[in-house]
N, C-alpha and C. Protein backbone atom coordinates (compact mmCIF):
# COMPACT_ATOMS: atom_id res chain seq x y z
N UNK A 1 20.08 -14.66 -7.04
CA UNK A 1 20.04 -15.39 -5.79
C UNK A 1 21.41 -15.41 -5.12
N UNK A 2 22.45 -15.38 -5.93
CA UNK A 2 23.80 -15.38 -5.36
C UNK A 2 24.05 -14.14 -4.51
N UNK A 3 23.47 -13.02 -4.94
CA UNK A 3 23.64 -11.78 -4.18
C UNK A 3 23.06 -11.93 -2.77
N UNK A 4 21.89 -12.52 -2.67
CA UNK A 4 21.25 -12.71 -1.37
C UNK A 4 22.05 -13.66 -0.48
N UNK A 5 22.59 -14.71 -1.09
CA UNK A 5 23.41 -15.66 -0.33
C UNK A 5 24.67 -14.98 0.18
N UNK A 6 25.31 -14.18 -0.67
CA UNK A 6 26.52 -13.48 -0.26
C UNK A 6 26.22 -12.44 0.81
N UNK A 7 25.10 -11.74 0.66
CA UNK A 7 24.71 -10.75 1.67
C UNK A 7 24.46 -11.42 3.01
N UNK A 8 23.75 -12.54 2.99
CA UNK A 8 23.46 -13.27 4.24
C UNK A 8 24.75 -13.77 4.87
N UNK A 9 25.67 -14.30 4.06
CA UNK A 9 26.95 -14.79 4.58
C UNK A 9 27.75 -13.64 5.18
N UNK A 10 27.73 -12.50 4.53
CA UNK A 10 28.44 -11.33 5.04
C UNK A 10 27.87 -10.89 6.39
N UNK A 11 26.53 -10.81 6.46
CA UNK A 11 25.89 -10.38 7.71
C UNK A 11 26.19 -11.37 8.83
N UNK A 12 26.20 -12.66 8.52
CA UNK A 12 26.49 -13.67 9.53
C UNK A 12 27.94 -13.62 9.98
N UNK A 13 28.83 -13.46 9.02
CA UNK A 13 30.26 -13.46 9.32
C UNK A 13 30.65 -12.23 10.14
N UNK A 14 30.09 -11.09 9.80
CA UNK A 14 30.42 -9.84 10.50
C UNK A 14 29.56 -9.60 11.74
N UNK A 15 28.68 -10.55 12.05
CA UNK A 15 27.77 -10.46 13.20
C UNK A 15 26.90 -9.19 13.13
N UNK A 16 26.37 -8.95 11.94
CA UNK A 16 25.51 -7.80 11.71
C UNK A 16 24.09 -8.24 11.36
N UNK A 17 23.62 -9.31 11.98
CA UNK A 17 22.30 -9.84 11.66
C UNK A 17 21.18 -8.86 12.01
N UNK A 18 21.47 -7.90 12.87
CA UNK A 18 20.45 -6.92 13.22
C UNK A 18 20.13 -6.01 12.03
N UNK A 19 20.98 -6.01 11.00
CA UNK A 19 20.71 -5.21 9.81
C UNK A 19 19.69 -5.87 8.87
N UNK A 20 19.50 -7.16 8.99
CA UNK A 20 18.60 -7.88 8.09
C UNK A 20 17.16 -7.33 8.12
N UNK A 21 16.57 -7.11 9.29
CA UNK A 21 15.20 -6.55 9.28
C UNK A 21 15.14 -5.15 8.66
N UNK A 22 16.18 -4.35 8.86
CA UNK A 22 16.19 -3.02 8.25
C UNK A 22 16.25 -3.10 6.73
N UNK A 23 17.04 -4.01 6.23
CA UNK A 23 17.14 -4.18 4.78
C UNK A 23 15.81 -4.66 4.21
N UNK A 24 15.17 -5.59 4.89
CA UNK A 24 13.88 -6.12 4.42
C UNK A 24 12.83 -5.01 4.41
N UNK A 25 12.77 -4.20 5.45
CA UNK A 25 11.79 -3.12 5.52
C UNK A 25 12.05 -2.10 4.41
N UNK A 26 13.30 -1.76 4.17
CA UNK A 26 13.61 -0.80 3.11
C UNK A 26 13.22 -1.34 1.74
N UNK A 27 13.46 -2.61 1.49
CA UNK A 27 13.10 -3.21 0.20
C UNK A 27 11.58 -3.25 0.03
N UNK A 28 10.87 -3.61 1.09
CA UNK A 28 9.40 -3.66 1.00
C UNK A 28 8.81 -2.28 0.76
N UNK A 29 9.29 -1.27 1.49
CA UNK A 29 8.78 0.08 1.28
C UNK A 29 9.12 0.61 -0.10
N UNK A 30 10.32 0.32 -0.57
CA UNK A 30 10.71 0.74 -1.91
C UNK A 30 9.84 0.09 -2.97
N UNK A 31 9.59 -1.21 -2.82
CA UNK A 31 8.73 -1.90 -3.76
C UNK A 31 7.30 -1.37 -3.72
N UNK A 32 6.82 -1.06 -2.53
CA UNK A 32 5.48 -0.51 -2.40
C UNK A 32 5.36 0.84 -3.10
N UNK A 33 6.36 1.66 -2.96
CA UNK A 33 6.33 2.97 -3.62
C UNK A 33 6.41 2.83 -5.14
N UNK A 34 7.21 1.90 -5.63
CA UNK A 34 7.32 1.70 -7.07
C UNK A 34 6.02 1.15 -7.64
N UNK A 35 5.41 0.17 -6.96
CA UNK A 35 4.17 -0.42 -7.46
C UNK A 35 3.00 0.55 -7.39
N UNK A 36 2.99 1.42 -6.41
CA UNK A 36 1.85 2.31 -6.23
C UNK A 36 2.04 3.65 -6.93
N UNK A 37 3.10 3.79 -7.69
CA UNK A 37 3.41 5.07 -8.31
C UNK A 37 2.30 5.56 -9.24
N UNK A 38 1.72 4.67 -10.00
CA UNK A 38 0.70 5.09 -10.94
C UNK A 38 -0.70 4.68 -10.54
N UNK A 39 -0.90 4.32 -9.30
CA UNK A 39 -2.22 3.82 -8.92
C UNK A 39 -3.00 4.86 -8.11
N UNK A 40 -4.21 4.48 -7.77
CA UNK A 40 -5.08 5.35 -6.99
C UNK A 40 -4.62 5.43 -5.54
N UNK A 41 -3.87 4.44 -5.09
CA UNK A 41 -3.43 4.38 -3.70
C UNK A 41 -2.27 5.34 -3.41
N UNK A 42 -1.61 5.82 -4.45
CA UNK A 42 -0.42 6.64 -4.32
C UNK A 42 -0.56 7.81 -3.33
N UNK A 43 -1.62 8.61 -3.40
CA UNK A 43 -1.72 9.74 -2.45
C UNK A 43 -1.77 9.30 -0.99
N UNK A 44 -2.35 8.14 -0.74
CA UNK A 44 -2.43 7.66 0.64
C UNK A 44 -1.08 7.15 1.13
N UNK A 45 -0.30 6.54 0.24
CA UNK A 45 1.01 6.05 0.62
C UNK A 45 1.96 7.21 0.84
N UNK A 46 1.92 8.22 -0.01
CA UNK A 46 2.84 9.34 0.11
C UNK A 46 2.57 10.16 1.37
N UNK A 47 1.35 10.10 1.91
CA UNK A 47 1.09 10.83 3.15
C UNK A 47 1.77 10.17 4.34
N UNK A 48 2.15 8.90 4.22
CA UNK A 48 2.88 8.23 5.30
C UNK A 48 4.28 8.79 5.48
N UNK A 49 4.84 9.33 4.39
CA UNK A 49 6.21 9.82 4.44
C UNK A 49 6.22 11.31 4.51
C-alpha cells in the first residue's frame, strides 16, 4: 500500500495526474492477460491485441 501512496504523492507533486488513468488501464489489461492465460477466453482476448 505504501507504493501506491508514494506513487499518488509523486503524481500529485509533479502535476502528472493525467498518467493515473494510463497506469490503471495498463494494470487492468495486464491482470486480464495473466488471469486468462490458461482459460477458454484466452483466444478471444489475444485477438484484441
